[in-house]
Amino acid sequence: MSTFVVEGGHRMCGEIVPQGAKNEALEILCATLLTGDEVKINNLPDILDVNNLISLLKDMGVSVTRAGETSYTFQAKDINLAYLETPEFCKKMSSLRGSVMIIGPLLARYGYAILPKPGGDKIGRRRLDTHFLGIMKLGATFEYISDRRLYEIKADRLHGEYMLLDEASVTGTANILMAAVLAEGTTTIYNAACEPYLQQLSKMLVSMGAKINGIGSNLLTIEGVQSLHGCEHTVLPDMIEVGSFIGMAAMTGSDVTLKNVSIKNLGIIPDSFKRLGIGLEVIGDDIHVPSQDVYEIETFMDGSIMNIADAPWPGLSPDLLSVMLVVATQAKGCVLIHQKMFESRLFFVDKLIDMGAQIILCDPHRAAVIGLGRRNSLRASNMVSPDIRAGIALLIAAMSARGTSYIHNIDQIDRGYQDIDKRLNAIGANIIRTS
């Protein structure tokens, strides 16, 4: 298990380019299974979750070729369905939650898939009902094999259907969408997720020959086609990394410019950080975060305490609430952070309290933060990263703290952030990686 040794108190100055979007990359990689033609993907991030999914695709028989520093070609011409029955496949599937999205493509093209219990972050219940119910409406059958602890999923032929999703699940919508593009007839998905990740997946599928209407809305209509062909696709910059760097710059009093962030696909992320008092300016497709000694949390128009909550797109992504919470600890003023989607994501705040932060954990979903306005800096600490987003929040806290902190289990951070120590050290941070 690797560790970050972080010397706090260093201000950064310079430019940083966000990596390709992790969440989009996982969807796009699964979509390569929908055709036997070559698919080229650009701007793939070099992170554990993406690399593990690429490794799984290789083992399934997908031909993978590196075409550049961040570009790969994939050709799923000869998939080895027998490999799905092996313990190795089940082990790899269960270690990566994003791999659940290979079900839709496999069913659409081969009528068969295996699903062991998926892994991922330990952030509370993350049910798969939306995936299962949507795919069953398309005509698939699920059988649970108790002695192997997996689902065997079959479909002689998928058919179009109207469905109203019980939640606007991003991965659930992606899975159903990828199954529907090759189904017979018309599929209508209401209450579909419409995050930029889904919009990108939809645009990629259209470039492969799919017929999808309503892209960017919560009502998707898909006319099934007989087959799809190859394409070339470029992954967007990671909006979660962009938000993480905005918070990191503010928390450490740094002067940082984020390059080529795709402003139009950030939604309310910049404005949400402005609510915390963070001054930032948009210059073309870049975001400049100037050095600030003090930033003050806004109140609502009636003077009541600011409440920042996650919501389905175009609301604020739940992946950024951990960052916003830690940034608020050194702001001036108070804010209530309301994490609605995952009931365990705020449990890392005890580590921030140990560092001197003024936080009241109201319940598993809400935390009240009393910002000290830098009157008292956070203290260095010894901590463990429980998941990707809490891990980056703890790294931000350590970078602003007095003294040297130790963050263990940084493989969690590596799952979502590419070479984070090297990239931050290049603009003035002091982070050492040890094994």
Protein backbone atom coordinates (compact mmCIF):
# COMPACT_ATOMS: atom_id res chain seq x y z
CA MET A 1 0.00 0.00 0.00
CA SER A 2 1.45 3.36 -1.07
CA THR A 3 1.53 6.57 0.96
CA PHE A 4 1.72 10.29 0.23
CA VAL A 5 4.01 12.30 2.48
CA VAL A 6 2.70 15.86 2.15
CA GLU A 7 4.51 18.92 3.43
CA GLY A 8 1.83 21.55 3.86
CA GLY A 9 2.01 25.31 3.49
CA HIS A 10 3.37 25.50 -0.06
CA ARG A 11 1.65 27.84 -2.48
CA MET A 12 1.49 26.72 -6.09
CA CYS A 13 1.85 28.88 -9.18
CA GLY A 14 1.48 27.84 -12.79
CA GLU A 15 -0.68 26.03 -15.29
CA ILE A 16 -2.22 22.58 -15.14
CA VAL A 17 -4.13 20.63 -17.81
CA PRO A 18 -6.98 18.40 -16.62
CA GLN A 19 -6.93 14.74 -17.63
CA GLY A 20 -9.61 13.02 -19.69
CA ALA A 21 -12.87 12.39 -17.83
CA LYS A 22 -12.77 9.15 -15.84
CA ASN A 23 -16.52 8.56 -15.80
CA GLU A 24 -16.89 9.17 -19.53
CA ALA A 25 -13.90 6.97 -20.34
CA LEU A 26 -15.43 3.96 -18.56
CA GLU A 27 -18.64 4.28 -20.58
CA ILE A 28 -16.85 4.80 -23.88
CA LEU A 29 -14.57 1.80 -23.34
CA CYS A 30 -17.55 -0.48 -22.76
CA ALA A 31 -19.17 0.85 -25.95
CA THR A 32 -16.26 -0.50 -28.03
CA LEU A 33 -17.82 -3.96 -27.53
CA LEU A 34 -20.78 -2.96 -29.73
CA THR A 35 -18.89 -3.37 -33.02
CA GLY A 36 -16.28 -5.58 -34.58
CA ASP A 37 -14.78 -2.56 -36.35
CA GLU A 38 -11.88 -0.50 -35.06
CA VAL A 39 -12.69 2.29 -32.59
CA LYS A 40 -10.13 4.96 -31.74
CA ILE A 41 -10.39 6.84 -28.44
CA ASN A 42 -8.36 9.96 -27.67
CA ASN A 43 -7.61 11.68 -24.35
CA LEU A 44 -7.96 8.56 -22.20
CA PRO A 45 -6.67 9.21 -18.66
CA ASP A 46 -3.84 6.98 -17.40
CA ILE A 47 -5.54 5.98 -14.13
CA LEU A 48 -6.13 2.67 -12.37
CA ASP A 49 -9.86 2.30 -13.09
CA VAL A 50 -9.40 2.97 -16.81
CA ASN A 51 -6.31 0.77 -17.10
CA ASN A 52 -8.05 -2.07 -15.27
CA LEU A 53 -11.03 -1.90 -17.64
CA ILE A 54 -8.71 -1.91 -20.66
CA SER A 55 -6.99 -4.98 -19.20
CA LEU A 56 -10.37 -6.69 -18.79
CA LEU A 57 -11.30 -5.93 -22.41
CA LYS A 58 -7.99 -7.41 -23.59
CA ASP A 59 -8.65 -10.60 -21.63
CA MET A 60 -12.09 -10.84 -23.25
CA GLY A 61 -10.47 -10.86 -26.68
CA VAL A 62 -10.54 -7.17 -27.65
CA SER A 63 -7.51 -6.14 -29.69
CA VAL A 64 -6.01 -3.05 -28.02
CA THR A 65 -3.27 -0.92 -29.58
CA ARG A 66 -1.73 2.21 -28.15
CA ALA A 67 -1.88 4.90 -30.84
CA GLY A 68 -0.37 7.82 -28.89
CA GLU A 69 0.30 9.15 -25.42
CA THR A 70 -3.42 9.22 -24.56
CA SER A 71 -4.90 7.46 -27.61
CA TYR A 72 -5.83 3.80 -28.11
CA THR A 73 -7.56 1.74 -30.78
CA PHE A 74 -9.94 -1.07 -29.85
CA GLN A 75 -11.33 -3.84 -32.04
CA ALA A 76 -13.82 -6.26 -30.50
CA LYS A 77 -13.89 -8.57 -33.50
CA ASP A 78 -13.52 -11.92 -31.71
CA ILE A 79 -14.85 -11.89 -28.14
CA ASN A 80 -14.10 -15.01 -26.11
CA LEU A 81 -17.44 -15.67 -24.40
CA ALA A 82 -15.97 -18.72 -22.64
CA TYR A 83 -13.73 -16.35 -20.68
CA LEU A 84 -16.84 -14.93 -18.99
CA GLU A 85 -17.21 -18.25 -17.15
CA THR A 86 -13.75 -18.12 -15.56
CA PRO A 87 -12.87 -17.11 -11.98
CA GLU A 88 -10.37 -14.60 -13.40
CA PHE A 89 -13.14 -12.73 -15.23
CA CYS A 90 -15.34 -12.65 -12.14
CA LYS A 91 -12.47 -11.38 -10.00
CA LYS A 92 -11.67 -8.53 -12.39
CA MET A 93 -15.34 -7.62 -12.87
CA SER A 94 -16.03 -7.50 -9.14
CA SER A 95 -13.02 -5.26 -8.46
CA LEU A 96 -14.18 -2.50 -10.84
CA ARG A 97 -17.67 -1.06 -10.56
CA GLY A 98 -17.55 0.58 -14.00
CA SER A 99 -17.30 -2.86 -15.60
CA VAL A 100 -21.03 -3.34 -14.97
CA MET A 101 -21.56 -1.36 -18.18
CA ILE A 102 -20.27 -4.21 -20.36
CA ILE A 103 -23.60 -6.00 -19.77
CA GLY A 104 -25.57 -3.83 -22.21
CA PRO A 105 -23.12 -4.19 -25.12
CA LEU A 106 -22.63 -7.94 -24.55
CA LEU A 107 -26.38 -8.59 -24.47
CA ALA A 108 -27.01 -6.42 -27.52
CA ARG A 109 -24.36 -8.18 -29.59
CA TYR A 110 -24.17 -11.71 -28.17
CA GLY A 111 -27.28 -12.17 -26.04
CA TYR A 112 -25.25 -13.29 -23.04
CA ALA A 113 -23.46 -11.71 -20.07
CA ILE A 114 -22.20 -12.57 -16.60
CA LEU A 115 -22.33 -10.15 -13.66
CA PRO A 116 -20.59 -10.84 -10.34
CA LYS A 117 -21.12 -8.42 -7.48
CA PRO A 118 -19.29 -5.22 -8.54
CA GLY A 119 -16.79 -3.34 -6.38
CA GLY A 120 -15.74 0.32 -6.32
CA ASP A 121 -15.79 2.99 -3.61
CA LYS A 122 -17.04 2.21 -0.11
CA ILE A 123 -19.49 5.09 -0.03
CA GLY A 124 -22.70 3.33 0.92
CA ARG A 125 -25.31 1.40 -1.01
CA ARG A 126 -25.10 1.75 -4.79
CA ARG A 127 -27.90 -0.42 -6.03
CA LEU A 128 -28.13 -1.79 -9.56
CA ASP A 129 -31.93 -1.99 -9.80
CA THR A 130 -32.05 0.64 -12.55
CA HIS A 131 -29.66 -1.41 -14.70
CA PHE A 132 -31.52 -4.67 -14.08
CA LEU A 133 -35.07 -3.38 -14.53
CA GLY A 134 -34.26 -1.43 -17.68
CA ILE A 135 -32.42 -4.31 -19.34
CA MET A 136 -35.18 -6.75 -18.33
CA LYS A 137 -37.73 -4.47 -20.03
CA LEU A 138 -35.70 -4.88 -23.22
CA GLY A 139 -36.27 -8.64 -22.98
CA ALA A 140 -33.33 -10.01 -20.97
CA THR A 141 -33.65 -12.57 -18.18
CA PHE A 142 -31.58 -12.55 -14.98
CA GLU A 143 -30.79 -15.74 -13.06
CA TYR A 144 -28.84 -15.59 -9.81
CA ILE A 145 -26.36 -18.47 -9.40
CA SER A 146 -26.04 -18.61 -5.62
CA ASP A 147 -23.04 -20.92 -5.35
CA ARG A 148 -21.02 -18.65 -7.67
CA ARG A 149 -22.54 -15.40 -6.36
CA LEU A 150 -23.21 -13.99 -9.83
CA TYR A 151 -26.00 -13.24 -12.27
CA GLU A 152 -26.31 -15.02 -15.61
CA ILE A 153 -28.07 -12.74 -18.09
CA LYS A 154 -29.54 -13.92 -21.38
CA ALA A 155 -31.57 -12.50 -24.24
CA ASP A 156 -32.45 -14.25 -27.50
CA ARG A 157 -33.28 -10.88 -29.02
CA LEU A 158 -33.67 -7.51 -27.33
CA HIS A 159 -36.72 -5.45 -28.29
CA GLY A 160 -37.54 -1.77 -27.89
CA GLU A 161 -39.71 -0.67 -24.98
CA TYR A 162 -40.92 2.44 -23.15
CA MET A 163 -39.49 2.81 -19.66
CA LEU A 164 -39.57 5.36 -16.87
CA LEU A 165 -36.40 4.95 -14.80
CA ASP A 166 -36.84 4.95 -11.03
CA GLU A 167 -33.74 7.13 -10.73
CA ALA A 168 -31.63 9.13 -13.18
CA SER A 169 -28.69 6.74 -12.83
CA VAL A 170 -25.73 7.68 -15.03
CA THR A 171 -24.32 4.17 -15.40
CA GLY A 172 -27.80 2.68 -15.51
CA THR A 173 -28.82 4.97 -18.37
CA ALA A 174 -25.56 4.22 -20.19
CA ASN A 175 -26.05 0.45 -19.85
CA ILE A 176 -29.65 0.54 -21.09
CA LEU A 177 -28.75 2.93 -23.92
CA MET A 178 -25.96 0.65 -25.18
CA ALA A 179 -28.30 -2.33 -25.12
CA ALA A 180 -31.09 -0.43 -26.88
CA VAL A 181 -29.09 0.78 -29.89
CA LEU A 182 -29.07 -2.76 -31.33
CA ALA A 183 -32.54 -3.80 -30.09
CA GLU A 184 -35.47 -4.31 -32.46
CA GLY A 185 -37.85 -1.36 -32.62
CA THR A 186 -38.04 1.85 -30.61
CA THR A 187 -36.86 2.33 -27.04
CA THR A 188 -37.92 5.36 -25.00
CA ILE A 189 -36.00 6.14 -21.80
CA TYR A 190 -37.70 8.73 -19.58
CA ASN A 191 -35.93 10.18 -16.52
CA ALA A 192 -32.66 9.36 -18.25
CA ALA A 193 -29.47 10.83 -16.86
CA CYS A 194 -28.18 13.64 -19.08
CA GLU A 195 -24.68 14.38 -17.71
CA PRO A 196 -22.01 15.37 -20.24
CA TYR A 197 -20.72 11.78 -19.93
CA LEU A 198 -24.04 10.49 -21.30
CA GLN A 199 -24.12 13.15 -23.99
CA GLN A 200 -20.63 12.12 -25.09
CA LEU A 201 -21.57 8.43 -25.13
CA SER A 202 -24.69 9.23 -27.16
CA LYS A 203 -22.70 11.28 -29.68
CA MET A 204 -20.15 8.48 -30.02
CA LEU A 205 -22.91 5.91 -30.63
CA VAL A 206 -24.50 8.16 -33.26
CA SER A 207 -21.12 8.44 -35.01
CA MET A 208 -21.09 4.61 -35.02
CA GLY A 209 -24.47 4.51 -36.78
CA ALA A 210 -26.94 4.51 -33.88
CA LYS A 211 -30.17 6.52 -34.06
CA ILE A 212 -30.68 8.51 -30.85
CA ASN A 213 -32.92 11.54 -30.33
CA GLY A 214 -33.10 13.81 -27.27
CA ILE A 215 -29.38 13.90 -26.50
CA GLY A 216 -28.79 16.25 -23.56
CA SER A 217 -32.34 15.83 -22.22
CA ASN A 218 -33.91 13.35 -19.80
CA LEU A 219 -36.01 11.79 -22.59
CA LEU A 220 -34.07 9.60 -25.00
CA THR A 221 -35.62 7.88 -28.01
CA ILE A 222 -33.59 5.14 -29.67
CA GLU A 223 -34.40 3.48 -32.99
CA GLY A 224 -32.63 0.13 -33.03
CA VAL A 225 -30.28 -0.65 -35.91
CA GLN A 226 -28.84 -3.93 -37.19
CA SER A 227 -25.19 -3.15 -36.54
CA LEU A 228 -22.72 -0.40 -35.67
CA HIS A 229 -19.42 0.53 -37.29
CA GLY A 230 -16.15 1.99 -36.05
CA CYS A 231 -15.47 5.62 -35.17
CA GLU A 232 -13.03 8.03 -33.54
CA HIS A 233 -13.94 9.73 -30.26
CA THR A 234 -12.23 12.23 -27.95
CA VAL A 235 -12.95 12.19 -24.21
CA LEU A 236 -13.82 15.50 -22.52
CA PRO A 237 -11.62 17.05 -19.80
CA ASP A 238 -12.55 15.67 -16.36
CA MET A 239 -14.93 18.17 -14.75
CA ILE A 240 -14.38 16.57 -11.33
CA GLU A 241 -10.65 17.11 -11.62
CA VAL A 242 -11.27 20.70 -12.72
CA GLY A 243 -13.38 21.28 -9.61
CA SER A 244 -10.78 19.57 -7.43
CA PHE A 245 -8.06 21.89 -8.72
CA ILE A 246 -10.22 24.98 -8.20
CA GLY A 247 -10.71 23.99 -4.57
CA MET A 248 -7.07 23.05 -4.13
CA ALA A 249 -5.85 26.41 -5.46
CA ALA A 250 -8.19 28.34 -3.16
CA MET A 251 -7.40 26.26 -0.08
CA THR A 252 -3.63 26.71 -0.50
CA GLY A 253 -3.76 30.37 -1.54
CA SER A 254 -2.24 29.49 -4.91
CA ASP A 255 -2.32 31.20 -8.29
CA VAL A 256 -3.28 28.50 -10.80
CA THR A 257 -4.60 28.48 -14.35
CA LEU A 258 -6.53 25.43 -15.52
CA LYS A 259 -6.09 25.01 -19.26
CA ASN A 260 -8.61 23.75 -21.83
CA VAL A 261 -11.33 22.80 -19.34
CA SER A 262 -14.31 22.76 -21.78
CA ILE A 263 -16.23 25.51 -20.00
CA LYS A 264 -19.54 24.70 -21.70
CA ASN A 265 -19.52 21.23 -20.14
CA LEU A 266 -18.84 22.31 -16.53
CA GLY A 267 -22.43 23.29 -15.76
CA ILE A 268 -22.78 25.06 -12.39
CA ILE A 269 -19.42 23.89 -11.03
CA PRO A 270 -17.65 27.29 -11.36
CA ASP A 271 -20.62 29.16 -9.84
CA SER A 272 -20.82 26.68 -6.96
CA PHE A 273 -17.22 27.43 -6.00
CA LYS A 274 -17.95 31.16 -6.30
CA ARG A 275 -20.63 30.63 -3.63
CA LEU A 276 -17.80 29.66 -1.30
CA GLY A 277 -16.21 33.03 -2.04
CA ILE A 278 -13.57 31.72 -4.43
CA GLY A 279 -12.66 34.32 -7.01
CA LEU A 280 -12.09 32.81 -10.44
CA GLU A 281 -12.22 34.11 -13.96
CA VAL A 282 -12.96 32.41 -17.24
CA ILE A 283 -10.49 33.28 -20.00
CA GLY A 284 -11.50 31.63 -23.25
CA ASP A 285 -11.61 27.94 -22.37
CA ASP A 286 -9.34 28.35 -19.33
CA ILE A 287 -10.09 29.09 -15.67
CA HIS A 288 -7.74 31.31 -13.66
CA VAL A 289 -7.88 30.98 -9.87
CA PRO A 290 -5.90 33.91 -8.36
CA SER A 291 -4.21 33.73 -4.99
CA GLN A 292 -6.62 34.68 -2.18
CA ASP A 293 -5.72 35.13 1.47
CA VAL A 294 -9.39 35.15 2.47
CA TYR A 295 -12.53 33.86 0.77
CA GLU A 296 -15.98 34.34 2.29
CA ILE A 297 -18.96 32.02 1.93
CA GLU A 298 -22.07 33.71 0.56
CA THR A 299 -25.43 33.60 2.33
CA PHE A 300 -28.80 33.28 0.68
CA MET A 301 -30.64 36.49 -0.21
CA ASP A 302 -32.61 36.42 3.06
CA GLY A 303 -29.38 36.07 5.07
CA SER A 304 -29.81 32.38 5.89
CA ILE A 305 -26.87 29.97 5.86
CA MET A 306 -25.73 28.70 2.47
CA ASN A 307 -26.77 25.13 1.65
CA ILE A 308 -24.82 23.28 -1.04
CA ALA A 309 -26.32 19.97 -2.19
CA ASP A 310 -25.76 17.47 -4.97
CA ALA A 311 -28.39 16.75 -7.62
CA PRO A 312 -28.73 15.00 -10.98
CA TRP A 313 -27.34 17.02 -13.89
CA PRO A 314 -27.57 19.93 -14.44
CA GLY A 315 -27.30 20.04 -10.65
CA LEU A 316 -24.01 19.77 -8.78
CA SER A 317 -22.13 16.48 -9.08
CA PRO A 318 -21.93 14.48 -5.82
CA ASP A 319 -18.29 13.77 -6.66
CA LEU A 320 -17.37 17.36 -5.76
CA LEU A 321 -19.04 17.72 -2.37
CA SER A 322 -16.07 16.21 -0.50
CA VAL A 323 -13.81 18.85 -2.08
CA MET A 324 -16.22 21.69 -1.35
CA LEU A 325 -16.55 20.58 2.26
CA VAL A 326 -12.81 20.64 2.94
CA VAL A 327 -12.40 23.98 1.13
CA ALA A 328 -15.15 25.49 3.32
CA THR A 329 -13.16 24.73 6.49
CA GLN A 330 -10.75 27.58 5.71
CA ALA A 331 -13.34 29.97 4.31
CA LYS A 332 -15.00 32.73 6.33
CA GLY A 333 -18.58 31.87 7.20
CA CYS A 334 -20.81 28.80 7.48
CA VAL A 335 -22.27 26.31 5.01
CA LEU A 336 -24.37 23.17 5.18
CA ILE A 337 -23.10 20.42 2.87
CA HIS A 338 -25.89 18.01 1.93
CA GLN A 339 -24.77 14.78 0.27
CA LYS A 340 -28.05 13.25 -0.87
CA MET A 341 -26.97 10.31 -3.00
CA PHE A 342 -24.50 8.34 -0.84
CA GLU A 343 -24.90 7.86 2.88
CA SER A 344 -21.25 7.10 3.74
CA ARG A 345 -19.40 9.73 1.75
CA LEU A 346 -19.19 12.24 4.60
CA PHE A 347 -17.69 9.85 7.12
CA PHE A 348 -14.18 11.10 6.33
CA VAL A 349 -14.90 14.37 8.18
CA ASP A 350 -13.63 12.90 11.45
CA LYS A 351 -10.15 13.12 9.94
CA LEU A 352 -10.69 16.82 9.19
CA ILE A 353 -11.95 17.39 12.74
CA ASP A 354 -8.75 15.78 14.03
CA MET A 355 -6.87 18.35 11.92
CA GLY A 356 -8.70 21.22 13.65
CA ALA A 357 -11.64 21.79 11.30
CA GLN A 358 -14.92 22.99 12.82
CA ILE A 359 -17.48 20.54 11.44
CA ILE A 360 -20.70 19.11 12.86
CA LEU A 361 -21.72 15.84 11.22
CA CYS A 362 -25.49 16.11 11.52
CA ASP A 363 -26.24 12.67 10.04
CA PRO A 364 -24.81 10.43 7.28
CA HIS A 365 -25.94 12.94 4.64
CA ARG A 366 -25.34 16.41 6.14
CA ALA A 367 -22.41 18.26 7.63
CA ALA A 368 -22.35 21.84 8.93
CA VAL A 369 -19.01 23.56 8.37
CA ILE A 370 -17.96 26.62 10.39
CA GLY A 371 -15.28 28.32 8.34
CA LEU A 372 -12.48 29.83 10.37
CA GLY A 373 -11.28 32.22 7.70
CA ARG A 374 -7.68 30.96 8.06
CA ARG A 375 -7.55 32.17 11.69
CA ASN A 376 -6.32 28.71 12.62
CA SER A 377 -4.59 26.60 10.00
CA LEU A 378 -5.32 22.89 9.86
CA ARG A 379 -2.85 20.63 11.67
CA ALA A 380 -0.89 17.90 9.91
CA SER A 381 -2.20 14.40 10.45
CA ASN A 382 -1.84 10.69 9.69
CA MET A 383 -4.83 9.41 7.71
CA VAL A 384 -6.16 6.79 5.30
CA SER A 385 -7.96 7.49 2.04
CA PRO A 386 -11.36 5.69 2.09
CA ASP A 387 -12.39 6.46 -1.51
CA ILE A 388 -11.36 8.50 -4.55
CA ARG A 389 -13.13 11.77 -3.71
CA ALA A 390 -12.47 11.72 0.02
CA GLY A 391 -8.85 10.92 -0.85
CA ILE A 392 -8.43 14.07 -2.96
CA ALA A 393 -10.19 16.11 -0.25
CA LEU A 394 -7.72 14.83 2.37
CA LEU A 395 -4.83 15.63 0.03
CA ILE A 396 -6.12 19.21 -0.29
CA ALA A 397 -6.39 19.45 3.49
CA ALA A 398 -2.84 18.15 3.94
CA MET A 399 -1.46 20.61 1.37
CA SER A 400 -2.89 23.53 3.35
CA ALA A 401 -2.02 22.21 6.82
CA ARG A 402 0.90 23.10 9.09
CA GLY A 403 3.57 20.40 9.10
CA THR A 404 3.87 17.06 7.33
CA SER A 405 0.90 14.75 6.81
CA TYR A 406 0.76 11.10 5.78
CA ILE A 407 -2.05 9.78 3.57
CA HIS A 408 -2.18 5.99 3.26
CA ASN A 409 -4.05 3.83 0.75
CA ILE A 410 -3.43 6.34 -2.03
CA ASP A 411 -4.27 3.67 -4.60
CA GLN A 412 -7.80 5.01 -4.09
CA ILE A 413 -6.66 8.44 -5.31
CA ASP A 414 -4.75 6.86 -8.22
CA ARG A 415 -8.00 5.25 -9.37
CA GLY A 416 -9.28 8.67 -10.41
CA TYR A 417 -6.37 11.12 -10.64
CA GLN A 418 -3.45 10.66 -13.04
CA ASP A 419 0.06 11.29 -11.64
CA ILE A 420 -1.45 13.75 -9.18
CA ASP A 421 1.76 14.10 -7.15
CA LYS A 422 3.98 14.77 -10.18
CA ARG A 423 1.58 17.28 -11.71
CA LEU A 424 1.17 19.25 -8.48
CA ASN A 425 4.86 19.14 -7.59
CA ALA A 426 5.58 20.67 -11.01
CA ILE A 427 3.80 23.88 -9.93
CA GLY A 428 5.11 24.07 -6.37
CA ALA A 429 3.59 21.37 -4.15
CA ASN A 430 5.71 19.11 -1.97
CA ILE A 431 4.31 15.57 -2.19
CA ILE A 432 6.43 12.44 -1.87
CA ARG A 433 5.10 9.01 -2.85
CA THR A 434 6.39 6.09 -0.79
CA SER A 435 5.62 2.36 -0.79
